[in-house]
Amino acid sequence: MSRKRLDKDDLSLWKKVTERTEKLDVDKLFRADSDGTSPIHGPTPTPPQIRKRSSVVMGKPDPKPRRNTHDLMPSLPDQLRQAPVQMDSKAFGKLKRGKMRPEGRIDLHGMTLDRAHPALTKFILGSHAKGRRLVLVITGKGKMRDEGGPIPVRHGVLRHQVPQWLSMPPLSSAVLQVSQAHISHGGGGAYYVYLRRHR
């Protein structure tokens, strides 16, 4: 493909263009002047404020560990604390202080969900039929395990599942109040289940 040579008119036009242009200083083009303006874009935008963090040395953990933000649900103890009190307030106060003695208990710790659900159902409905008012359900706190998957997994599956089972039929008809047990009865690994009066 041959190059086309410029004729006189083209050369004249090009000469006029070059007379009106100035050579660009590339260094100056990409460097803000001392007054904070850029030769092309005007005032240089102020960068957004970045929260200051202490420097991190390679191999050493951040002195302020970040909170886990992927779990939007309130923690289980918070959910139980925020639940309205259905039982007598004085009795509930004694219950929270561990001053009431459970009339029966079941230990689900170590069971699979498939085994635990029918065992819990039988125990709660049987206790209600016997006229018991306060029973203890032991779930265990669960082990912290990182499965390595992209979705965070709650530890203590039974500990989270039991309150849901207690709030659904058929158990909800027998259950009046669910509360985390006092430390003397298992603390975060157990629940007080206050049953309705048997008719």
Protein backbone atom coordinates (compact mmCIF):
# COMPACT_ATOMS: atom_id res chain seq x y z
CA MET A 1 0.00 0.00 0.00
CA SER A 2 1.66 3.24 -1.17
CA ARG A 3 1.70 6.36 0.94
CA LYS A 4 -0.06 9.39 -0.44
CA ARG A 5 2.07 12.54 -0.55
CA LEU A 6 0.58 15.75 0.79
CA ASP A 7 -0.20 18.41 -1.78
CA LYS A 8 0.32 22.15 -1.25
CA ASP A 9 -3.14 22.73 0.24
CA ASP A 10 -2.64 19.94 2.80
CA LEU A 11 0.78 21.25 3.77
CA SER A 12 -0.59 24.78 4.15
CA LEU A 13 -3.40 23.57 6.38
CA TRP A 14 -1.03 21.46 8.50
CA LYS A 15 1.32 24.46 8.93
CA LYS A 16 -1.58 26.58 10.29
CA VAL A 17 -2.48 23.84 12.74
CA THR A 18 1.07 23.47 14.05
CA GLU A 19 1.45 27.24 14.47
CA ARG A 20 -1.55 27.33 16.85
CA THR A 21 -0.57 24.37 19.00
CA GLU A 22 1.85 24.13 21.90
CA LYS A 23 4.04 21.21 22.76
CA LEU A 24 2.66 19.30 25.73
CA ASP A 25 4.85 18.69 28.75
CA VAL A 26 3.84 15.14 29.67
CA ASP A 27 5.31 15.40 33.20
CA LYS A 28 3.36 18.57 33.88
CA LEU A 29 0.19 17.12 32.38
CA PHE A 30 -0.04 14.36 35.01
CA ARG A 31 1.27 16.39 37.98
CA ALA A 32 -0.97 18.74 39.96
CA ASP A 33 0.28 22.31 40.27
CA SER A 34 1.08 23.74 43.67
CA ASP A 35 -2.38 25.35 43.88
CA GLY A 36 -4.03 21.91 43.71
CA THR A 37 -5.23 22.20 40.12
CA SER A 38 -4.54 19.93 37.20
CA PRO A 39 -3.76 21.55 33.78
CA ILE A 40 -6.50 19.52 32.12
CA HIS A 41 -9.15 18.71 34.67
CA GLY A 42 -9.08 21.79 36.88
CA PRO A 43 -9.09 21.31 40.68
CA THR A 44 -7.79 17.93 41.75
CA PRO A 45 -10.56 16.04 43.58
CA THR A 46 -9.86 15.42 47.23
CA PRO A 47 -9.48 11.70 47.90
CA PRO A 48 -12.14 10.23 50.20
CA GLN A 49 -11.25 10.11 53.86
CA ILE A 50 -9.72 6.78 54.75
CA ARG A 51 -10.01 5.48 58.28
CA LYS A 52 -6.56 5.42 59.80
CA ARG A 53 -5.35 2.02 60.89
CA SER A 54 -2.19 1.13 62.62
CA SER A 55 0.47 -0.32 60.36
CA VAL A 56 0.56 -4.07 60.13
CA VAL A 57 3.84 -5.93 60.26
CA MET A 58 3.99 -8.93 57.96
CA GLY A 59 3.43 -12.12 59.91
CA LYS A 60 1.85 -10.38 62.90
CA PRO A 61 -1.92 -10.18 63.45
CA ASP A 62 -3.77 -6.90 63.32
CA PRO A 63 -3.90 -5.55 66.90
CA LYS A 64 -7.62 -4.77 66.49
CA PRO A 65 -9.35 -7.85 65.03
CA ARG A 66 -12.25 -7.07 62.76
CA ARG A 67 -15.72 -8.02 63.84
CA ASN A 68 -17.47 -10.72 61.89
CA THR A 69 -19.89 -8.82 59.66
CA HIS A 70 -21.40 -11.57 57.53
CA ASP A 71 -23.91 -12.67 60.11
CA LEU A 72 -26.76 -10.14 60.08
CA MET A 73 -28.94 -12.06 62.52
CA PRO A 74 -28.62 -11.10 66.19
CA SER A 75 -26.80 -13.64 68.33
CA LEU A 76 -28.85 -16.42 69.90
CA PRO A 77 -28.57 -15.07 73.48
CA ASP A 78 -29.69 -11.65 72.18
CA GLN A 79 -32.70 -13.19 70.41
CA LEU A 80 -33.77 -15.00 73.59
CA ARG A 81 -33.23 -11.88 75.73
CA GLN A 82 -35.38 -9.80 73.35
CA ALA A 83 -38.22 -12.34 73.32
CA PRO A 84 -41.22 -11.14 75.34
CA VAL A 85 -41.69 -12.70 78.78
CA GLN A 86 -44.78 -14.93 78.69
CA MET A 87 -44.48 -16.45 82.16
CA ASP A 88 -44.86 -14.79 85.55
CA SER A 89 -42.21 -12.07 85.85
CA LYS A 90 -41.17 -13.06 89.41
CA ALA A 91 -40.80 -16.69 88.38
CA PHE A 92 -38.85 -15.58 85.30
CA GLY A 93 -36.45 -13.59 87.51
CA LYS A 94 -35.83 -16.67 89.66
CA LEU A 95 -35.39 -18.75 86.51
CA LYS A 96 -32.73 -16.41 85.11
CA ARG A 97 -30.81 -16.52 88.41
CA GLY A 98 -30.82 -20.32 88.39
CA LYS A 99 -33.02 -20.46 91.50
CA MET A 100 -35.65 -22.77 89.99
CA ARG A 101 -34.92 -26.48 89.85
CA PRO A 102 -35.75 -28.26 86.56
CA GLU A 103 -38.17 -31.17 87.02
CA GLY A 104 -36.71 -33.11 84.12
CA ARG A 105 -33.83 -32.95 81.66
CA ILE A 106 -32.79 -34.31 78.28
CA ASP A 107 -29.26 -34.35 76.89
CA LEU A 108 -29.20 -33.97 73.09
CA HIS A 109 -25.49 -33.27 73.01
CA GLY A 110 -23.77 -35.37 70.33
CA MET A 111 -27.00 -36.36 68.57
CA THR A 112 -27.66 -35.73 64.89
CA LEU A 113 -30.59 -33.49 63.94
CA ASP A 114 -32.52 -36.56 62.74
CA ARG A 115 -32.22 -38.20 66.17
CA ALA A 116 -32.51 -35.07 68.29
CA HIS A 117 -35.80 -33.75 66.87
CA PRO A 118 -37.98 -36.79 67.67
CA ALA A 119 -36.23 -37.23 71.05
CA LEU A 120 -36.95 -33.60 71.96
CA THR A 121 -40.56 -33.86 70.77
CA LYS A 122 -41.21 -36.98 72.83
CA PHE A 123 -39.55 -35.47 75.93
CA ILE A 124 -41.38 -32.11 75.80
CA LEU A 125 -44.82 -33.54 75.08
CA GLY A 126 -44.30 -36.28 77.69
CA SER A 127 -43.19 -33.74 80.33
CA HIS A 128 -46.20 -31.55 79.54
CA ALA A 129 -48.53 -34.53 79.89
CA LYS A 130 -47.00 -35.30 83.33
CA GLY A 131 -47.71 -31.74 84.48
CA ARG A 132 -44.08 -30.63 84.68
CA ARG A 133 -43.50 -26.88 84.40
CA LEU A 134 -39.71 -26.47 84.03
CA VAL A 135 -37.42 -28.79 82.10
CA LEU A 136 -33.81 -28.50 80.96
CA VAL A 137 -32.72 -29.22 77.39
CA ILE A 138 -28.96 -29.71 77.02
CA THR A 139 -27.57 -29.12 73.53
CA GLY A 140 -23.89 -28.41 74.15
CA LYS A 141 -22.24 -25.26 72.85
CA GLY A 142 -20.89 -26.90 69.70
CA LYS A 143 -17.35 -26.89 68.36
CA MET A 144 -15.85 -24.11 66.29
CA ARG A 145 -15.01 -25.72 62.95
CA ASP A 146 -13.92 -23.97 59.77
CA GLU A 147 -15.13 -26.13 56.92
CA GLY A 148 -13.23 -23.97 54.42
CA GLY A 149 -16.32 -23.29 52.31
CA PRO A 150 -17.40 -19.89 50.96
CA ILE A 151 -20.52 -19.76 53.17
CA PRO A 152 -20.00 -19.28 56.91
CA VAL A 153 -21.40 -22.15 58.98
CA ARG A 154 -22.82 -21.65 62.47
CA HIS A 155 -21.18 -23.70 65.18
CA GLY A 156 -23.49 -25.54 67.54
CA VAL A 157 -26.15 -26.66 65.06
CA LEU A 158 -28.38 -28.19 67.77
CA ARG A 159 -27.98 -25.11 69.94
CA HIS A 160 -29.47 -23.01 67.14
CA GLN A 161 -32.05 -25.53 65.99
CA VAL A 162 -33.69 -26.40 69.32
CA PRO A 163 -35.32 -22.96 69.91
CA GLN A 164 -36.81 -23.14 66.40
CA TRP A 165 -38.26 -26.59 67.04
CA LEU A 166 -39.71 -25.40 70.35
CA SER A 167 -41.41 -22.47 68.61
CA MET A 168 -43.13 -24.64 65.98
CA PRO A 169 -46.04 -27.12 66.23
CA PRO A 170 -46.51 -29.52 67.90
CA LEU A 171 -44.13 -28.28 70.63
CA SER A 172 -45.28 -24.65 70.57
CA SER A 173 -48.63 -25.72 72.07
CA ALA A 174 -46.82 -27.02 75.18
CA VAL A 175 -44.06 -24.39 75.51
CA LEU A 176 -44.61 -21.07 77.28
CA GLN A 177 -41.04 -19.70 77.53
CA VAL A 178 -37.53 -20.61 76.34
CA SER A 179 -34.50 -19.09 78.03
CA GLN A 180 -30.79 -19.73 78.09
CA ALA A 181 -29.89 -21.71 81.19
CA HIS A 182 -28.02 -20.27 84.14
CA ILE A 183 -24.32 -21.19 84.30
CA SER A 184 -25.13 -23.64 87.13
CA HIS A 185 -27.32 -25.62 84.70
CA GLY A 186 -25.12 -25.49 81.60
CA GLY A 187 -25.13 -21.81 80.54
CA GLY A 188 -24.90 -21.31 76.77
CA GLY A 189 -25.08 -25.04 76.13
CA ALA A 190 -28.54 -25.57 77.65
CA TYR A 191 -32.05 -24.11 77.69
CA TYR A 192 -34.72 -23.76 80.30
CA VAL A 193 -38.06 -24.68 78.76
CA TYR A 194 -41.02 -23.46 80.84
CA LEU A 195 -44.13 -25.41 79.94
CA ARG A 196 -47.77 -24.36 79.90
CA ARG A 197 -50.12 -25.73 82.55
CA HIS A 198 -51.50 -29.09 81.53
CA ARG A 199 -55.29 -28.98 81.23
